[in-house]
Protein backbone atom coordinates (compact mmCIF):
# COMPACT_ATOMS: atom_id res chain seq x y z
CA MET A 1 -0.75 -13.14 4.57
CA GLU A 2 1.44 -13.30 1.48
CA THR A 3 2.47 -10.11 -0.30
CA LEU A 4 0.52 -9.75 -3.55
CA LYS A 5 0.30 -6.92 -6.03
CA LEU A 6 -2.21 -6.72 -8.85
CA MET A 7 -2.85 -4.77 -12.03
CA MET A 8 -6.07 -4.80 -14.03
CA ASP A 9 -6.04 -3.49 -17.59
CA GLY A 10 -2.69 -1.88 -16.88
CA GLN A 11 -3.68 -0.08 -13.69
CA PRO A 12 -2.57 -0.96 -10.14
CA VAL A 13 -5.45 -2.15 -7.97
CA ALA A 14 -5.40 -3.08 -4.29
CA VAL A 15 -5.91 -6.83 -4.05
CA GLU A 16 -8.81 -6.50 -1.62
CA GLN A 17 -10.54 -4.10 -4.04
CA ALA A 18 -10.02 -6.08 -7.24
CA THR A 19 -13.22 -7.42 -8.81
CA ILE A 20 -14.34 -9.07 -12.05
CA PRO A 21 -17.88 -8.55 -13.40
CA VAL A 22 -19.98 -11.67 -12.94
CA MET A 23 -20.89 -11.50 -16.64
CA ASP A 24 -17.25 -11.81 -17.73
CA HIS A 25 -17.03 -15.00 -19.77
CA GLY A 26 -13.77 -15.85 -18.05
CA PHE A 27 -15.74 -16.16 -14.82
CA LEU A 28 -18.88 -17.70 -16.33
CA PHE A 29 -17.32 -20.26 -18.65
CA GLY A 30 -13.59 -20.35 -17.97
CA ASP A 31 -13.16 -18.58 -21.33
CA CYS A 32 -9.70 -17.19 -20.72
CA ILE A 33 -6.00 -17.94 -21.02
CA TYR A 34 -3.11 -17.46 -18.66
CA GLU A 35 0.66 -17.51 -18.53
CA VAL A 36 2.92 -17.97 -15.49
CA LEU A 37 6.33 -16.31 -15.54
CA ARG A 38 9.08 -15.58 -13.07
CA SER A 39 11.44 -12.64 -12.91
CA ARG A 40 15.18 -12.90 -12.52
CA ASN A 41 17.60 -10.04 -11.90
CA GLY A 42 14.86 -7.47 -12.35
CA GLN A 43 13.61 -8.77 -15.71
CA PRO A 44 10.90 -11.23 -16.78
CA PHE A 45 12.83 -14.45 -17.43
CA LEU A 46 12.37 -16.11 -20.84
CA TRP A 47 10.02 -13.30 -21.82
CA ALA A 48 10.16 -13.89 -25.58
CA THR A 49 9.26 -17.55 -25.23
CA HIS A 50 6.43 -16.93 -22.77
CA LEU A 51 5.10 -14.24 -25.12
CA LYS A 52 5.10 -16.72 -28.00
CA ARG A 53 3.09 -19.19 -25.94
CA LEU A 54 0.66 -16.47 -24.85
CA HIS A 55 -0.02 -15.57 -28.48
CA TYR A 56 -0.41 -19.23 -29.36
CA SER A 57 -2.86 -19.79 -26.51
CA ALA A 58 -4.88 -16.76 -27.61
CA SER A 59 -5.00 -18.02 -31.19
CA GLN A 60 -6.33 -21.40 -30.05
CA ILE A 61 -9.48 -19.82 -28.59
CA ASP A 62 -9.72 -16.98 -31.14
CA LEU A 63 -9.00 -14.32 -28.53
CA GLU A 64 -7.44 -11.01 -29.47
CA LEU A 65 -4.96 -9.75 -26.89
CA PRO A 66 -6.09 -6.36 -25.57
CA CYS A 67 -2.75 -4.54 -25.83
CA SER A 68 0.49 -4.56 -27.79
CA ASP A 69 3.52 -6.61 -26.80
CA ASP A 70 5.41 -3.42 -25.92
CA VAL A 71 2.64 -2.23 -23.60
CA LEU A 72 2.48 -5.64 -21.97
CA ARG A 73 6.24 -5.75 -21.47
CA ALA A 74 6.14 -2.31 -19.85
CA GLU A 75 3.38 -3.43 -17.47
CA PHE A 76 5.41 -6.44 -16.39
CA GLN A 77 8.40 -4.19 -15.76
CA THR A 78 6.28 -1.82 -13.70
CA MET A 79 5.20 -4.75 -11.56
CA ILE A 80 8.76 -6.03 -11.14
CA ASP A 81 10.01 -2.57 -10.18
CA ALA A 82 7.26 -2.28 -7.55
CA PHE A 83 8.86 -5.19 -5.67
CA GLU A 84 12.27 -3.46 -5.67
CA GLY A 85 14.39 -6.21 -7.15
CA GLN A 86 12.85 -9.33 -5.60
CA ASP A 87 12.49 -12.35 -7.85
CA LEU A 88 8.79 -12.79 -8.56
CA GLN A 89 6.25 -15.31 -9.68
CA MET A 90 3.74 -13.60 -11.98
CA ARG A 91 0.44 -14.85 -13.33
CA PHE A 92 -1.06 -13.06 -16.35
CA ILE A 93 -4.68 -13.75 -17.25
CA VAL A 94 -6.70 -12.57 -20.25
CA THR A 95 -10.45 -13.14 -20.06
CA ARG A 96 -12.93 -12.93 -22.93
CA GLY A 97 -14.63 -10.01 -21.23
CA VAL A 98 -18.20 -9.07 -20.37
CA GLY A 99 -20.97 -10.52 -22.53
CA PRO A 100 -24.46 -12.01 -22.41
CA LEU A 101 -25.30 -15.27 -20.65
CA SER A 102 -24.40 -17.23 -23.75
CA HIS A 103 -21.43 -19.27 -24.89
CA GLU A 104 -21.16 -17.08 -28.01
CA PRO A 105 -17.84 -15.20 -27.57
CA GLY A 106 -18.46 -12.75 -30.41
CA GLN A 107 -20.83 -10.73 -28.26
CA CYS A 108 -18.28 -9.97 -25.56
CA ILE A 109 -17.30 -6.33 -25.36
CA LYS A 110 -13.58 -6.24 -24.55
CA PRO A 111 -11.02 -8.67 -23.11
CA CYS A 112 -9.82 -8.01 -19.57
CA ARG A 113 -6.18 -8.47 -18.58
CA ILE A 114 -5.01 -9.16 -15.05
CA LEU A 115 -1.45 -9.37 -13.76
CA ILE A 116 -0.86 -10.82 -10.28
CA ALA A 117 2.60 -11.00 -8.70
CA ARG A 118 4.16 -12.20 -5.48
CA PRO A 119 7.72 -12.91 -4.31
CA LEU A 120 8.94 -16.16 -5.80
CA THR A 121 8.44 -19.10 -3.44
CA LYS A 122 10.33 -22.30 -4.18
CA PRO A 123 10.48 -25.75 -2.60
CA SER A 124 12.72 -26.13 0.44
CA GLY A 125 16.42 -26.84 0.27
CA HIS A 126 15.69 -30.27 1.72
CA GLN A 127 13.29 -31.04 -1.13
CA TYR A 128 15.87 -30.00 -3.74
CA ALA A 129 18.53 -32.11 -2.03
CA LYS A 130 16.49 -35.21 -1.15
CA GLY A 131 13.67 -35.14 -3.70
CA VAL A 132 9.88 -35.33 -3.43
CA ALA A 133 7.27 -38.09 -3.70
CA LEU A 134 4.81 -38.42 -6.60
CA TYR A 135 1.43 -40.12 -6.76
CA ARG A 136 0.02 -41.97 -9.77
CA GLU A 137 -3.30 -40.52 -10.92
CA GLU A 138 -5.51 -42.76 -13.04
CA ALA A 139 -6.04 -42.01 -16.76
CA THR A 140 -7.85 -38.72 -17.42
CA ASN A 141 -8.44 -36.35 -20.28
CA PRO A 142 -5.19 -34.35 -20.50
CA MET A 143 -4.78 -30.63 -20.92
CA GLU A 144 -5.25 -29.53 -24.52
CA LYS A 145 -2.02 -29.69 -26.45
CA GLY A 146 0.36 -26.78 -26.13
CA HIS A 147 -1.79 -24.06 -24.58
CA ILE A 148 -3.17 -23.28 -21.15
CA LYS A 149 -6.92 -22.98 -20.59
CA SER A 150 -8.40 -21.93 -17.27
CA GLY A 151 -10.96 -24.08 -15.52
CA ASN A 152 -8.93 -27.29 -15.55
CA VAL A 153 -10.66 -28.92 -12.62
CA LYS A 154 -9.10 -32.34 -13.27
CA MET A 155 -5.64 -30.89 -12.62
CA VAL A 156 -6.79 -29.25 -9.39
CA LEU A 157 -8.41 -32.46 -8.16
CA ALA A 158 -5.40 -34.60 -9.08
CA LEU A 159 -3.08 -32.38 -7.05
CA HIS A 160 -5.55 -32.26 -4.16
CA ARG A 161 -5.83 -36.05 -4.02
CA ALA A 162 -2.07 -36.46 -4.13
CA GLN A 163 -1.46 -34.00 -1.32
CA GLN A 164 -4.22 -35.50 0.82
CA LEU A 165 -2.32 -38.79 0.61
CA GLY A 166 0.95 -37.14 1.60
CA PHE A 167 2.50 -36.83 -1.86
CA TYR A 168 3.97 -33.67 -3.38
CA GLU A 169 2.55 -34.00 -6.93
CA ALA A 170 0.43 -36.28 -9.11
CA ILE A 171 1.55 -38.00 -12.32
CA ARG A 172 -1.30 -38.03 -14.83
CA LEU A 173 -1.91 -40.63 -17.52
CA ASN A 174 -3.68 -39.79 -20.78
CA PRO A 175 -6.86 -41.62 -21.90
CA GLN A 176 -4.72 -44.23 -23.67
CA GLY A 177 -2.91 -45.00 -20.43
CA LYS A 178 0.36 -43.36 -21.51
CA ILE A 179 2.32 -41.13 -19.15
CA ALA A 180 1.47 -37.47 -19.77
CA GLU A 181 2.68 -35.04 -17.11
CA CYS A 182 2.18 -34.00 -13.53
CA ALA A 183 -0.69 -31.82 -12.37
CA THR A 184 1.41 -28.63 -12.33
CA SER A 185 4.72 -29.67 -13.88
CA ASN A 186 6.41 -31.63 -16.65
CA LEU A 187 8.05 -35.00 -16.01
CA PHE A 188 11.55 -36.19 -16.99
CA TRP A 189 13.69 -39.22 -16.22
CA PHE A 190 17.10 -40.67 -16.98
CA ASP A 191 17.46 -44.34 -17.81
CA ALA A 192 20.41 -46.49 -16.74
CA ALA A 193 22.27 -45.61 -19.95
CA GLY A 194 22.05 -41.86 -19.23
CA VAL A 195 19.39 -41.10 -21.86
CA LEU A 196 16.99 -38.32 -20.83
CA HIS A 197 13.32 -39.14 -21.50
CA THR A 198 10.18 -37.00 -21.40
CA PRO A 199 6.65 -37.51 -22.77
CA SER A 200 6.13 -35.86 -26.16
CA VAL A 201 3.46 -33.31 -27.04
CA GLU A 202 1.56 -36.19 -28.68
CA ALA A 203 0.95 -37.58 -25.18
CA GLY A 204 -1.28 -34.57 -24.54
CA ILE A 205 1.07 -32.55 -22.38
CA LEU A 206 1.50 -28.85 -21.82
CA LYS A 207 4.61 -27.73 -23.65
CA GLY A 208 6.13 -26.01 -20.65
CA VAL A 209 8.65 -23.21 -21.15
CA THR A 210 10.94 -24.63 -18.45
CA ARG A 211 10.58 -28.03 -20.15
CA GLU A 212 11.84 -26.52 -23.40
CA LEU A 213 14.74 -24.84 -21.61
CA VAL A 214 15.73 -28.11 -19.93
CA LEU A 215 15.70 -29.89 -23.30
CA TYR A 216 17.99 -27.17 -24.66
CA LEU A 217 20.33 -27.41 -21.66
CA ALA A 218 20.43 -31.20 -21.89
CA VAL A 219 21.67 -30.96 -25.48
CA GLN A 220 24.30 -28.44 -24.37
CA ALA A 221 25.40 -30.86 -21.64
CA GLY A 222 25.71 -33.73 -24.12
CA PHE A 223 22.87 -35.90 -22.81
CA PRO A 224 21.07 -38.09 -25.37
CA LEU A 225 17.37 -37.14 -25.56
CA GLN A 226 14.22 -39.04 -26.34
CA GLU A 227 10.66 -37.68 -26.44
CA GLY A 228 7.89 -40.20 -26.93
CA LEU A 229 4.85 -42.11 -25.71
CA TYR A 230 5.69 -44.03 -22.56
CA THR A 231 4.04 -46.68 -20.42
CA TRP A 232 4.20 -46.92 -16.66
CA SER A 233 6.72 -49.73 -16.93
CA ASP A 234 9.06 -47.41 -18.87
CA LEU A 235 9.09 -45.01 -15.93
CA GLN A 236 9.70 -47.86 -13.48
CA GLN A 237 12.99 -48.57 -15.26
CA ALA A 238 14.27 -45.02 -14.62
CA SER A 239 17.40 -44.38 -12.60
CA GLU A 240 16.69 -40.69 -11.90
CA VAL A 241 13.41 -38.73 -12.08
CA PHE A 242 12.65 -35.02 -11.85
CA ILE A 243 9.88 -32.52 -12.55
CA THR A 244 10.06 -29.01 -14.01
CA SER A 245 8.01 -25.83 -13.80
CA THR A 246 8.48 -22.07 -13.91
CA SER A 247 8.53 -21.57 -10.14
CA ARG A 248 10.37 -24.77 -9.16
CA GLY A 249 12.93 -25.01 -11.95
CA ILE A 250 14.14 -28.62 -11.69
CA LEU A 251 12.96 -30.55 -8.62
CA PRO A 252 14.27 -34.10 -8.07
CA VAL A 253 11.90 -36.99 -7.37
CA SER A 254 12.94 -39.61 -4.82
CA ARG A 255 9.79 -41.73 -4.74
CA ILE A 256 6.84 -42.62 -6.97
CA GLY A 257 4.31 -44.59 -4.98
CA ASN A 258 6.47 -47.12 -3.16
CA GLN A 259 9.34 -47.12 -5.67
CA ILE A 260 12.52 -45.29 -4.67
CA TYR A 261 14.72 -43.31 -7.07
CA ALA A 262 18.15 -41.80 -6.57
CA VAL A 263 18.73 -38.06 -6.65
CA GLY A 264 21.63 -38.51 -9.03
CA SER A 265 24.47 -36.63 -10.66
CA ASN A 266 22.76 -36.23 -14.05
CA THR A 267 19.85 -34.40 -12.48
CA GLN A 268 22.26 -32.26 -10.45
CA THR A 269 24.15 -31.34 -13.63
CA LEU A 270 20.96 -30.01 -15.20
CA MET A 271 19.99 -28.20 -11.99
CA ASP A 272 23.35 -26.42 -11.97
CA ARG A 273 23.02 -25.48 -15.64
CA LEU A 274 19.50 -24.17 -15.13
CA GLU A 275 20.66 -21.91 -12.29
CA ARG A 276 23.00 -20.09 -14.67
CA ALA A 277 20.97 -20.50 -17.88
CA PRO A 278 20.95 -17.49 -20.22
CA ASP A 279 17.73 -15.64 -21.00
CA ILE A 280 17.27 -16.94 -24.53
CA GLU A 281 14.40 -17.23 -26.99
CA LEU A 282 13.41 -20.86 -27.37
CA ASP A 283 11.58 -22.47 -30.26
CA PHE A 284 7.91 -22.86 -29.49
């Protein structure tokens, strides 16, 4: 069984004893937000940027965070210290709190905050070296722009279908048939001219923090960038493809369906830069 530690409302709780009231609107209606971070060298990596996105997500559902930024930062540090220096993957959830059996959020008493952490698990060295295979999911309603909302069943099902068919991840199209993102990651590709492409926020994607860092690093490396609305045929012209997320960093893609892609030098350049990227505050 994997090693997990958990805090609820700032207090450590044994995982097997942790409970949420059934009348919490986060449980009843998915009325909650979350943020996924990793730690690096004993600190939460890209903390300032993740905190910006957390506040933005809260504002989008009119949810007041239940503690100050300083208190929250201290709780994350307590969790990191409890693992004695291991790099962690941490999931922070804020629910609307307990209320009546009604969709009216104003009657909820107090938001609940939950922090779950485990040692960081990453893809295998073979997957980083040789790449992974992606599956094309048919057009669906994408995640709401820019913030994370729990209860995204379409994402769960897309990933499940892909993995049942032997693929690592699923590429999702938006209702207009444009490329959006993967089920749990953002999508990038280089064209033959060395231009780095990624779907824009207008495609209905999650504005991932690692995505923003990769865009920053690409500029530093001198790669031309283009964000936009792309068709499937645009992706088929790619010379290199990769995905990004907090836990994976940059993971090369070697196959989409039956089409093969090279794990090339441009992707490797960005992987190397990400490994030594500074902890900076990104625009969000």
